[in-house]
Amino acid sequence: MRLIADAPRASVDMLTGDAVLSFRIAPESKRMLNELKSLGDSKLAVDVKKYRPKRSLDANAYLWVLCDKIAAALDSTKELVYIELVRRVGKFAVVAVRDWDADEIIHGWSCRGLGWFAEIIDGCKIDGCVRVMFFYGSSTYDTEEMSRLIDEAVFEAKELGIDTATPDEIALMKERWNDEKQTNKGA
C-alpha cells in the first residue's frame, strides 16, 4: 500500500516513552484505513520519503518542442536528440549482467519505449559478467528529474542559438508542477 501524506508529526508517548509518528492523509486515501486496521498489531515496514509528483504534461510537451528544434538545427531527429539528453542527464541504474545474457536483456529493456535504452560499459569486476547502464524513459521521471532534463534541453538549444521559453515562462512551468503536486495529493 502506498499513501501520500502531509503534516508529519513526531512525538513521544508519555506513558511508554515510545516515539510516535503521525501523518494526515487525503480523504480519498481514507479507504485504506480499513486495510491498515485489518493488520492489527502486526509489525510494519514503513518507508518515509519526500513526495515528488510526476512531471506535468506541459513539461513533456515543451521537452519535445525543444527536441524538435534542436534536431532541425543539427539535421537529426527529435528522437535521437531526446535519447542523447536522457543519456547525459537522465535517470539510470548500473547492473552487473552475465555476459551471455546481456544482449537479450538490453533488447527487452529497450522494448519499453524510446527513452528506455541500455549500454554495456567497461569495468565489471565479476567474472563472466558485464556492467550495463540501464536508462529510464522520462515517463517515469518526477518533477526534479524532468526539470533537469528540460534544463539540459534549454541549455543545448541556447548553445545552438535557438529561442527558448524565457526564464519566467520556465519558472511558471515549474510552478505548475508544484500546483499539480497539490492537486494530486492522495493520488
N, C-alpha and C. Protein backbone atom coordinates (compact mmCIF):
# COMPACT_ATOMS: atom_id res chain seq x y z
N MET A 1 0.84 -1.16 0.00
CA MET A 1 0.00 0.00 0.00
C MET A 1 0.89 1.23 0.00
N ARG A 2 0.52 2.23 -0.78
CA ARG A 2 1.28 3.48 -0.86
C ARG A 2 0.34 4.62 -0.58
N LEU A 3 0.74 5.52 0.32
CA LEU A 3 -0.07 6.67 0.68
C LEU A 3 0.72 7.95 0.43
N ILE A 4 0.01 9.01 0.07
CA ILE A 4 0.59 10.33 0.02
C ILE A 4 0.06 11.05 1.26
N ALA A 5 0.96 11.59 2.07
CA ALA A 5 0.56 12.20 3.33
C ALA A 5 1.27 13.53 3.51
N ASP A 6 0.72 14.35 4.42
CA ASP A 6 1.41 15.58 4.79
C ASP A 6 1.26 15.79 6.29
N ALA A 7 1.70 16.92 6.76
CA ALA A 7 1.65 17.29 8.17
C ALA A 7 2.28 16.22 9.07
N PRO A 8 3.50 15.79 8.77
CA PRO A 8 4.12 14.78 9.63
C PRO A 8 4.36 15.33 11.03
N ARG A 9 4.14 14.50 12.02
CA ARG A 9 4.36 14.89 13.41
C ARG A 9 5.11 13.76 14.11
N ALA A 10 6.07 14.15 14.91
CA ALA A 10 6.80 13.18 15.73
C ALA A 10 6.60 13.59 17.19
N SER A 11 6.30 12.62 18.02
CA SER A 11 6.10 12.90 19.44
C SER A 11 6.55 11.69 20.25
N VAL A 12 6.50 11.84 21.55
CA VAL A 12 6.85 10.75 22.45
C VAL A 12 5.63 10.44 23.31
N ASP A 13 5.25 9.16 23.35
CA ASP A 13 4.15 8.71 24.19
C ASP A 13 4.59 8.86 25.64
N MET A 14 3.87 9.68 26.42
CA MET A 14 4.27 9.97 27.80
C MET A 14 4.19 8.75 28.71
N LEU A 15 3.32 7.80 28.38
CA LEU A 15 3.19 6.61 29.23
C LEU A 15 4.28 5.58 28.97
N THR A 16 4.58 5.36 27.68
CA THR A 16 5.52 4.29 27.34
C THR A 16 6.92 4.79 26.97
N GLY A 17 7.01 6.07 26.59
CA GLY A 17 8.29 6.60 26.14
C GLY A 17 8.59 6.28 24.68
N ASP A 18 7.65 5.61 24.00
CA ASP A 18 7.84 5.24 22.60
C ASP A 18 7.72 6.47 21.70
N ALA A 19 8.50 6.47 20.62
CA ALA A 19 8.36 7.51 19.61
C ALA A 19 7.10 7.21 18.79
N VAL A 20 6.35 8.25 18.46
CA VAL A 20 5.10 8.10 17.70
C VAL A 20 5.16 9.04 16.49
N LEU A 21 4.90 8.48 15.32
CA LEU A 21 4.82 9.28 14.10
C LEU A 21 3.38 9.30 13.63
N SER A 22 2.92 10.47 13.18
CA SER A 22 1.57 10.54 12.62
C SER A 22 1.61 11.41 11.37
N PHE A 23 0.66 11.14 10.48
CA PHE A 23 0.57 11.85 9.21
C PHE A 23 -0.89 12.10 8.91
N ARG A 24 -1.15 13.15 8.14
CA ARG A 24 -2.51 13.41 7.66
C ARG A 24 -2.57 12.90 6.23
N ILE A 25 -3.64 12.14 5.90
CA ILE A 25 -3.81 11.62 4.55
C ILE A 25 -5.02 12.27 3.90
N ALA A 26 -5.01 12.31 2.59
CA ALA A 26 -6.11 12.91 1.83
C ALA A 26 -7.38 12.08 2.00
N PRO A 27 -8.55 12.72 1.93
CA PRO A 27 -9.82 11.99 2.13
C PRO A 27 -9.96 10.76 1.24
N GLU A 28 -9.50 10.84 -0.01
CA GLU A 28 -9.64 9.69 -0.90
C GLU A 28 -8.74 8.52 -0.49
N SER A 29 -7.78 8.77 0.37
CA SER A 29 -6.91 7.69 0.86
C SER A 29 -7.48 7.01 2.09
N LYS A 30 -8.54 7.56 2.64
CA LYS A 30 -9.10 7.00 3.88
C LYS A 30 -9.66 5.60 3.70
N ARG A 31 -9.94 5.21 2.46
CA ARG A 31 -10.40 3.84 2.22
C ARG A 31 -9.36 2.83 2.66
N MET A 32 -8.12 3.27 2.72
CA MET A 32 -7.04 2.37 3.14
C MET A 32 -7.00 2.18 4.66
N LEU A 33 -7.74 3.00 5.38
CA LEU A 33 -7.74 2.87 6.84
C LEU A 33 -8.21 1.49 7.28
N ASN A 34 -9.25 0.97 6.63
CA ASN A 34 -9.73 -0.37 6.97
C ASN A 34 -8.66 -1.42 6.72
N GLU A 35 -7.92 -1.24 5.64
CA GLU A 35 -6.84 -2.17 5.34
C GLU A 35 -5.77 -2.11 6.43
N LEU A 36 -5.45 -0.90 6.87
CA LEU A 36 -4.48 -0.75 7.96
C LEU A 36 -5.01 -1.36 9.26
N LYS A 37 -6.28 -1.11 9.55
CA LYS A 37 -6.88 -1.66 10.78
C LYS A 37 -6.86 -3.18 10.76
N SER A 38 -7.02 -3.76 9.58
CA SER A 38 -7.05 -5.23 9.49
C SER A 38 -5.70 -5.85 9.83
N LEU A 39 -4.65 -5.06 9.81
CA LEU A 39 -3.32 -5.57 10.14
C LEU A 39 -3.12 -5.73 11.65
N GLY A 40 -4.03 -5.13 12.41
CA GLY A 40 -3.95 -5.26 13.87
C GLY A 40 -2.65 -4.71 14.41
N ASP A 41 -2.02 -5.49 15.29
CA ASP A 41 -0.78 -5.06 15.93
C ASP A 41 0.46 -5.60 15.21
N SER A 42 0.30 -6.00 13.97
CA SER A 42 1.43 -6.54 13.20
C SER A 42 2.52 -5.48 13.06
N LYS A 43 3.75 -5.94 13.01
CA LYS A 43 4.85 -5.02 12.71
C LYS A 43 4.78 -4.68 11.23
N LEU A 44 5.09 -3.44 10.90
CA LEU A 44 5.04 -2.97 9.52
C LEU A 44 6.41 -2.46 9.10
N ALA A 45 6.73 -2.61 7.85
CA ALA A 45 7.91 -1.97 7.27
C ALA A 45 7.42 -0.66 6.65
N VAL A 46 7.93 0.46 7.13
CA VAL A 46 7.46 1.76 6.68
C VAL A 46 8.63 2.51 6.05
N ASP A 47 8.41 3.01 4.86
CA ASP A 47 9.43 3.78 4.16
C ASP A 47 8.88 5.19 3.98
N VAL A 48 9.50 6.18 4.61
CA VAL A 48 9.04 7.56 4.53
C VAL A 48 10.05 8.34 3.71
N LYS A 49 9.57 9.00 2.67
CA LYS A 49 10.45 9.84 1.86
C LYS A 49 9.65 11.01 1.32
N LYS A 50 10.37 12.03 0.89
CA LYS A 50 9.72 13.22 0.37
C LYS A 50 8.95 12.89 -0.90
N TYR A 51 7.73 13.38 -0.98
CA TYR A 51 6.87 13.14 -2.14
C TYR A 51 7.33 14.01 -3.30
N ARG A 52 7.43 13.42 -4.46
CA ARG A 52 7.73 14.14 -5.69
C ARG A 52 6.68 13.74 -6.72
N PRO A 53 5.92 14.72 -7.21
CA PRO A 53 4.87 14.38 -8.17
C PRO A 53 5.45 14.01 -9.53
N LYS A 54 4.64 13.30 -10.29
CA LYS A 54 5.01 13.03 -11.68
C LYS A 54 5.10 14.37 -12.41
N ARG A 55 5.88 14.42 -13.48
CA ARG A 55 6.02 15.66 -14.22
C ARG A 55 4.73 15.98 -14.95
N SER A 56 4.54 17.28 -15.26
CA SER A 56 3.31 17.70 -15.92
C SER A 56 3.37 17.39 -17.41
N LEU A 57 2.19 17.30 -18.01
CA LEU A 57 2.13 17.06 -19.45
C LEU A 57 2.67 18.26 -20.22
N ASP A 58 2.50 19.48 -19.67
CA ASP A 58 3.05 20.67 -20.30
C ASP A 58 4.57 20.57 -20.40
N ALA A 59 5.18 20.08 -19.34
CA ALA A 59 6.64 19.93 -19.33
C ALA A 59 7.07 18.93 -20.39
N ASN A 60 6.35 17.84 -20.51
CA ASN A 60 6.67 16.83 -21.52
C ASN A 60 6.52 17.41 -22.93
N ALA A 61 5.45 18.15 -23.16
CA ALA A 61 5.23 18.76 -24.48
C ALA A 61 6.35 19.76 -24.80
N TYR A 62 6.75 20.54 -23.80
CA TYR A 62 7.81 21.52 -24.02
C TYR A 62 9.14 20.82 -24.34
N LEU A 63 9.42 19.74 -23.65
CA LEU A 63 10.64 18.98 -23.93
C LEU A 63 10.66 18.55 -25.40
N TRP A 64 9.54 18.04 -25.90
CA TRP A 64 9.50 17.56 -27.29
C TRP A 64 9.60 18.70 -28.30
N VAL A 65 9.06 19.88 -27.95
CA VAL A 65 9.24 21.05 -28.83
C VAL A 65 10.72 21.39 -28.93
N LEU A 66 11.40 21.40 -27.78
CA LEU A 66 12.84 21.69 -27.79
C LEU A 66 13.62 20.62 -28.57
N CYS A 67 13.28 19.36 -28.36
CA CYS A 67 13.97 18.28 -29.09
C CYS A 67 13.81 18.45 -30.59
N ASP A 68 12.62 18.85 -31.02
CA ASP A 68 12.35 19.04 -32.44
C ASP A 68 13.18 20.20 -33.01
N LYS A 69 13.25 21.31 -32.26
CA LYS A 69 14.03 22.47 -32.72
C LYS A 69 15.53 22.15 -32.76
N ILE A 70 16.02 21.46 -31.75
CA ILE A 70 17.43 21.06 -31.71
C ILE A 70 17.74 20.13 -32.88
N ALA A 71 16.84 19.18 -33.12
CA ALA A 71 17.03 18.23 -34.22
C ALA A 71 17.12 18.95 -35.56
N ALA A 72 16.26 19.94 -35.76
CA ALA A 72 16.29 20.70 -37.02
C ALA A 72 17.62 21.42 -37.18
N ALA A 73 18.14 21.97 -36.09
CA ALA A 73 19.42 22.69 -36.16
C ALA A 73 20.59 21.75 -36.41
N LEU A 74 20.48 20.52 -35.94
CA LEU A 74 21.57 19.54 -36.07
C LEU A 74 21.39 18.59 -37.24
N ASP A 75 20.30 18.77 -38.00
CA ASP A 75 19.96 17.85 -39.08
C ASP A 75 19.89 16.42 -38.55
N SER A 76 19.13 16.27 -37.48
CA SER A 76 18.96 14.98 -36.81
C SER A 76 17.47 14.72 -36.64
N THR A 77 17.12 13.84 -35.74
CA THR A 77 15.71 13.60 -35.42
C THR A 77 15.47 13.96 -33.97
N LYS A 78 14.23 14.32 -33.67
CA LYS A 78 13.90 14.66 -32.28
C LYS A 78 14.10 13.45 -31.36
N GLU A 79 13.90 12.25 -31.90
CA GLU A 79 14.08 11.04 -31.10
C GLU A 79 15.55 10.86 -30.70
N LEU A 80 16.46 11.07 -31.63
CA LEU A 80 17.89 10.95 -31.32
C LEU A 80 18.34 12.03 -30.34
N VAL A 81 17.79 13.24 -30.48
CA VAL A 81 18.11 14.32 -29.54
C VAL A 81 17.63 13.94 -28.14
N TYR A 82 16.41 13.45 -28.05
CA TYR A 82 15.84 13.02 -26.76
C TYR A 82 16.72 11.95 -26.11
N ILE A 83 17.12 10.95 -26.88
CA ILE A 83 17.96 9.87 -26.35
C ILE A 83 19.28 10.43 -25.83
N GLU A 84 19.87 11.36 -26.55
CA GLU A 84 21.14 11.96 -26.11
C GLU A 84 20.94 12.76 -24.81
N LEU A 85 19.83 13.48 -24.70
CA LEU A 85 19.56 14.23 -23.47
C LEU A 85 19.38 13.27 -22.29
N VAL A 86 18.65 12.19 -22.50
CA VAL A 86 18.47 11.19 -21.44
C VAL A 86 19.83 10.59 -21.07
N ARG A 87 20.65 10.32 -22.05
CA ARG A 87 21.99 9.76 -21.79
C ARG A 87 22.82 10.71 -20.92
N ARG A 88 22.70 12.02 -21.18
CA ARG A 88 23.53 12.99 -20.45
C ARG A 88 23.04 13.26 -19.03
N VAL A 89 21.73 13.39 -18.83
CA VAL A 89 21.25 13.80 -17.50
C VAL A 89 20.11 12.95 -16.96
N GLY A 90 19.75 11.90 -17.68
CA GLY A 90 18.60 11.10 -17.28
C GLY A 90 18.88 10.13 -16.15
N LYS A 91 17.81 9.52 -15.69
CA LYS A 91 17.87 8.54 -14.61
C LYS A 91 18.37 7.21 -15.17
N PHE A 92 19.27 6.55 -14.42
CA PHE A 92 19.81 5.27 -14.87
C PHE A 92 20.20 4.41 -13.68
N ALA A 93 20.43 3.15 -13.96
CA ALA A 93 20.95 2.21 -12.97
C ALA A 93 22.04 1.39 -13.65
N VAL A 94 23.10 1.09 -12.90
CA VAL A 94 24.18 0.24 -13.42
C VAL A 94 24.06 -1.12 -12.75
N VAL A 95 24.01 -2.17 -13.58
CA VAL A 95 23.78 -3.52 -13.08
C VAL A 95 24.79 -4.47 -13.73
N ALA A 96 25.29 -5.41 -12.94
CA ALA A 96 26.14 -6.47 -13.50
C ALA A 96 25.23 -7.55 -14.07
N VAL A 97 25.50 -7.93 -15.32
CA VAL A 97 24.68 -8.90 -16.04
C VAL A 97 25.62 -9.97 -16.61
N ARG A 98 25.17 -11.23 -16.59
CA ARG A 98 26.00 -12.27 -17.21
C ARG A 98 26.22 -11.91 -18.67
N ASP A 99 27.46 -12.03 -19.12
CA ASP A 99 27.79 -11.55 -20.46
C ASP A 99 26.99 -12.24 -21.56
N TRP A 100 26.65 -13.51 -21.39
CA TRP A 100 25.89 -14.20 -22.45
C TRP A 100 24.41 -13.82 -22.45
N ASP A 101 23.93 -13.14 -21.39
CA ASP A 101 22.53 -12.69 -21.34
C ASP A 101 22.38 -11.21 -21.71
N ALA A 102 23.47 -10.49 -21.79
CA ALA A 102 23.42 -9.04 -21.90
C ALA A 102 22.60 -8.55 -23.09
N ASP A 103 22.85 -9.08 -24.28
CA ASP A 103 22.14 -8.59 -25.47
C ASP A 103 20.63 -8.79 -25.35
N GLU A 104 20.21 -9.93 -24.85
CA GLU A 104 18.78 -10.21 -24.72
C GLU A 104 18.14 -9.29 -23.67
N ILE A 105 18.82 -9.08 -22.57
CA ILE A 105 18.29 -8.22 -21.51
C ILE A 105 18.21 -6.77 -22.00
N ILE A 106 19.24 -6.31 -22.70
CA ILE A 106 19.23 -4.95 -23.24
C ILE A 106 18.09 -4.79 -24.24
N HIS A 107 17.89 -5.79 -25.09
CA HIS A 107 16.78 -5.72 -26.05
C HIS A 107 15.43 -5.64 -25.33
N GLY A 108 15.24 -6.48 -24.32
CA GLY A 108 13.99 -6.46 -23.57
C GLY A 108 13.74 -5.12 -22.89
N TRP A 109 14.80 -4.53 -22.36
CA TRP A 109 14.69 -3.22 -21.70
C TRP A 109 14.27 -2.16 -22.71
N SER A 110 14.88 -2.18 -23.88
CA SER A 110 14.61 -1.14 -24.88
C SER A 110 13.21 -1.25 -25.48
N CYS A 111 12.55 -2.39 -25.32
CA CYS A 111 11.19 -2.55 -25.83
C CYS A 111 10.16 -1.76 -25.02
N ARG A 112 10.57 -1.21 -23.89
CA ARG A 112 9.64 -0.46 -23.04
C ARG A 112 9.26 0.89 -23.64
N GLY A 113 10.11 1.44 -24.49
CA GLY A 113 9.82 2.74 -25.09
C GLY A 113 11.09 3.44 -25.54
N LEU A 114 10.92 4.61 -26.09
CA LEU A 114 12.02 5.34 -26.72
C LEU A 114 13.16 5.67 -25.75
N GLY A 115 12.83 6.18 -24.57
CA GLY A 115 13.88 6.59 -23.63
C GLY A 115 14.48 5.45 -22.84
N TRP A 116 13.97 4.26 -23.05
CA TRP A 116 14.45 3.08 -22.33
C TRP A 116 15.52 2.41 -23.19
N PHE A 117 16.76 2.64 -22.85
CA PHE A 117 17.85 2.01 -23.58
C PHE A 117 18.94 1.63 -22.60
N ALA A 118 19.87 0.83 -23.05
CA ALA A 118 20.94 0.36 -22.18
C ALA A 118 22.22 0.24 -22.97
N GLU A 119 23.33 0.41 -22.26
CA GLU A 119 24.65 0.33 -22.90
C GLU A 119 25.59 -0.47 -22.01
N ILE A 120 26.41 -1.30 -22.62
CA ILE A 120 27.44 -2.01 -21.88
C ILE A 120 28.58 -1.03 -21.62
N ILE A 121 29.05 -1.00 -20.37
CA ILE A 121 30.16 -0.11 -20.01
C ILE A 121 31.32 -0.93 -19.47
N ASP A 122 32.48 -0.36 -19.46
CA ASP A 122 33.69 -1.06 -19.02
C ASP A 122 33.73 -1.21 -17.50
N GLY A 123 34.53 -2.16 -17.08
CA GLY A 123 34.93 -2.22 -15.68
C GLY A 123 34.21 -3.18 -14.77
N CYS A 124 33.62 -4.24 -15.26
CA CYS A 124 32.96 -5.19 -14.36
C CYS A 124 34.02 -6.07 -13.71
N LYS A 125 33.94 -6.20 -12.39
CA LYS A 125 34.92 -6.98 -11.64
C LYS A 125 34.44 -8.40 -11.34
N ILE A 126 33.27 -8.75 -11.86
CA ILE A 126 32.71 -10.08 -11.63
C ILE A 126 32.97 -10.93 -12.87
N ASP A 127 33.64 -12.06 -12.68
CA ASP A 127 33.96 -12.94 -13.81
C ASP A 127 32.68 -13.38 -14.53
N GLY A 128 32.71 -13.33 -15.86
CA GLY A 128 31.57 -13.78 -16.66
C GLY A 128 30.45 -12.77 -16.75
N CYS A 129 30.68 -11.56 -16.25
CA CYS A 129 29.64 -10.52 -16.27
C CYS A 129 30.14 -9.25 -16.95
N VAL A 130 29.20 -8.46 -17.39
CA VAL A 130 29.48 -7.12 -17.91
C VAL A 130 28.62 -6.14 -17.13
N ARG A 131 29.08 -4.90 -17.07
CA ARG A 131 28.26 -3.85 -16.44
C ARG A 131 27.38 -3.23 -17.51
N VAL A 132 26.10 -3.07 -17.19
CA VAL A 132 25.16 -2.47 -18.13
C VAL A 132 24.53 -1.26 -17.47
N MET A 133 24.52 -0.15 -18.20
CA MET A 133 23.89 1.07 -17.74
C MET A 133 22.49 1.11 -18.36
N PHE A 134 21.46 0.99 -17.52
CA PHE A 134 20.07 0.99 -17.96
C PHE A 134 19.48 2.38 -17.75
N PHE A 135 19.04 3.02 -18.84
CA PHE A 135 18.43 4.34 -18.77
C PHE A 135 16.91 4.20 -18.75
N TYR A 136 16.27 5.04 -17.93
CA TYR A 136 14.81 5.04 -17.80
C TYR A 136 14.22 6.13 -18.68
N GLY A 137 13.09 5.84 -19.31
CA GLY A 137 12.38 6.84 -20.09
C GLY A 137 11.79 7.91 -19.19
N SER A 138 11.60 9.10 -19.74
CA SER A 138 11.13 10.23 -18.93
C SER A 138 9.70 10.06 -18.43
N SER A 139 8.97 9.09 -18.94
CA SER A 139 7.62 8.85 -18.41
C SER A 139 7.65 8.46 -16.94
N THR A 140 8.81 8.02 -16.45
CA THR A 140 8.93 7.64 -15.04
C THR A 140 9.48 8.76 -14.17
N TYR A 141 9.84 9.90 -14.77
CA TYR A 141 10.52 10.95 -14.02
C TYR A 141 9.58 11.72 -13.11
N ASP A 142 10.11 12.12 -11.97
CA ASP A 142 9.37 13.03 -11.10
C ASP A 142 9.71 14.46 -11.52
N THR A 143 9.18 15.44 -10.78
CA THR A 143 9.36 16.84 -11.14
C THR A 143 10.83 17.24 -11.22
N GLU A 144 11.60 16.84 -10.24
CA GLU A 144 13.02 17.21 -10.20
C GLU A 144 13.80 16.61 -11.38
N GLU A 145 13.54 15.36 -11.68
CA GLU A 145 14.23 14.69 -12.78
C GLU A 145 13.85 15.29 -14.13
N MET A 146 12.55 15.58 -14.30
CA MET A 146 12.08 16.17 -15.56
C MET A 146 12.63 17.58 -15.71
N SER A 147 12.70 18.30 -14.60
CA SER A 147 13.25 19.65 -14.62
C SER A 147 14.70 19.64 -15.10
N ARG A 148 15.48 18.68 -14.62
CA ARG A 148 16.88 18.55 -15.03
C ARG A 148 16.97 18.25 -16.54
N LEU A 149 16.08 17.40 -17.04
CA LEU A 149 16.07 17.06 -18.46
C LEU A 149 15.71 18.28 -19.31
N ILE A 150 14.70 19.04 -18.88
CA ILE A 150 14.31 20.25 -19.62
C ILE A 150 15.43 21.29 -19.56
N ASP A 151 16.04 21.46 -18.39
CA ASP A 151 17.14 22.42 -18.27
C ASP A 151 18.28 22.08 -19.24
N GLU A 152 18.57 20.80 -19.39
CA GLU A 152 19.62 20.37 -20.33
C GLU A 152 19.20 20.67 -21.77
N ALA A 153 17.93 20.44 -22.09
CA ALA A 153 17.43 20.75 -23.44
C ALA A 153 17.49 22.25 -23.70
N VAL A 154 17.13 23.05 -22.71
CA VAL A 154 17.19 24.52 -22.85
C VAL A 154 18.64 24.95 -23.07
N PHE A 155 19.56 24.39 -22.29
CA PHE A 155 20.99 24.71 -22.44
C PHE A 155 21.46 24.38 -23.86
N GLU A 156 21.13 23.19 -24.33
CA GLU A 156 21.53 22.76 -25.68
C GLU A 156 20.93 23.69 -26.73
N ALA A 157 19.66 24.04 -26.58
CA ALA A 157 19.00 24.92 -27.55
C ALA A 157 19.68 26.29 -27.59
N LYS A 158 19.97 26.84 -26.42
CA LYS A 158 20.62 28.15 -26.37
C LYS A 158 22.01 28.10 -27.00
N GLU A 159 22.74 27.01 -26.78
CA GLU A 159 24.06 26.85 -27.39
C GLU A 159 23.98 26.88 -28.92
N LEU A 160 22.84 26.44 -29.45
CA LEU A 160 22.64 26.40 -30.90
C LEU A 160 21.95 27.66 -31.43
N GLY A 161 21.71 28.64 -30.53
CA GLY A 161 21.06 29.89 -30.94
C GLY A 161 19.57 29.76 -31.15
N ILE A 162 18.96 28.77 -30.54
CA ILE A 162 17.52 28.54 -30.68
C ILE A 162 16.79 29.29 -29.57
N ASP A 163 15.71 29.97 -29.95
CA ASP A 163 14.89 30.66 -28.96
C ASP A 163 14.21 29.62 -28.06
N THR A 164 14.22 29.92 -26.77
CA THR A 164 13.55 29.04 -25.80
C THR A 164 12.59 29.87 -24.99
N ALA A 165 11.84 29.22 -24.16
CA ALA A 165 10.97 29.94 -23.24
C ALA A 165 11.84 30.83 -22.36
N THR A 166 11.28 31.93 -21.92
CA THR A 166 12.02 32.83 -21.04
C THR A 166 12.18 32.17 -19.67
N PRO A 167 13.13 32.65 -18.89
CA PRO A 167 13.25 32.11 -17.53
C PRO A 167 11.94 32.20 -16.74
N ASP A 168 11.18 33.29 -16.96
CA ASP A 168 9.89 33.42 -16.27
C ASP A 168 8.90 32.35 -16.72
N GLU A 169 8.89 32.06 -18.02
CA GLU A 169 7.99 31.01 -18.53
C GLU A 169 8.39 29.64 -17.99
N ILE A 170 9.70 29.39 -17.92
CA ILE A 170 10.17 28.12 -17.36
C ILE A 170 9.82 28.03 -15.88
N ALA A 171 9.99 29.15 -15.17
CA ALA A 171 9.62 29.18 -13.74
C ALA A 171 8.13 28.92 -13.58
N LEU A 172 7.31 29.46 -14.49
CA LEU A 172 5.87 29.22 -14.43
C LEU A 172 5.55 27.75 -14.64
N MET A 173 6.26 27.10 -15.57
CA MET A 173 6.06 25.66 -15.78
C MET A 173 6.37 24.89 -14.50
N LYS A 174 7.47 25.27 -13.86
CA LYS A 174 7.86 24.58 -12.63
C LYS A 174 6.85 24.86 -11.52
N GLU A 175 6.29 26.07 -11.52
CA GLU A 175 5.25 26.40 -10.54
C GLU A 175 4.01 25.55 -10.79
N ARG A 176 3.69 25.31 -12.06
CA ARG A 176 2.56 24.44 -12.38
C ARG A 176 2.79 23.02 -11.87
N TRP A 177 4.06 22.57 -11.92
CA TRP A 177 4.38 21.26 -11.36
C TRP A 177 4.02 21.24 -9.88
N ASN A 178 4.35 22.35 -9.18
CA ASN A 178 4.05 22.43 -7.75
C ASN A 178 2.54 22.43 -7.53
N ASP A 179 1.80 23.19 -8.37
CA ASP A 179 0.34 23.20 -8.28
C ASP A 179 -0.21 21.80 -8.50
N GLU A 180 0.37 21.09 -9.48
CA GLU A 180 -0.05 19.72 -9.77
C GLU A 180 0.19 18.83 -8.56
N LYS A 181 1.28 19.08 -7.87
CA LYS A 181 1.60 18.32 -6.66
C LYS A 181 0.48 18.47 -5.64
N GLN A 182 0.02 19.70 -5.46
CA GLN A 182 -1.06 19.94 -4.50
C GLN A 182 -2.36 19.26 -4.95
N THR A 183 -2.63 19.31 -6.25
CA THR A 183 -3.85 18.70 -6.80
C THR A 183 -3.83 17.19 -6.67
N ASN A 184 -2.65 16.59 -6.82
CA ASN A 184 -2.52 15.13 -6.81
C ASN A 184 -2.33 14.53 -5.44
N LYS A 185 -2.42 15.34 -4.38
CA LYS A 185 -2.25 14.78 -3.03
C LYS A 185 -3.26 13.66 -2.82
N GLY A 186 -2.76 12.59 -2.31
CA GLY A 186 -3.63 11.45 -2.03
C GLY A 186 -3.82 10.54 -3.22
N ALA A 187 -3.22 10.89 -4.36
CA ALA A 187 -3.39 10.06 -5.56
C ALA A 187 -2.61 8.78 -5.44
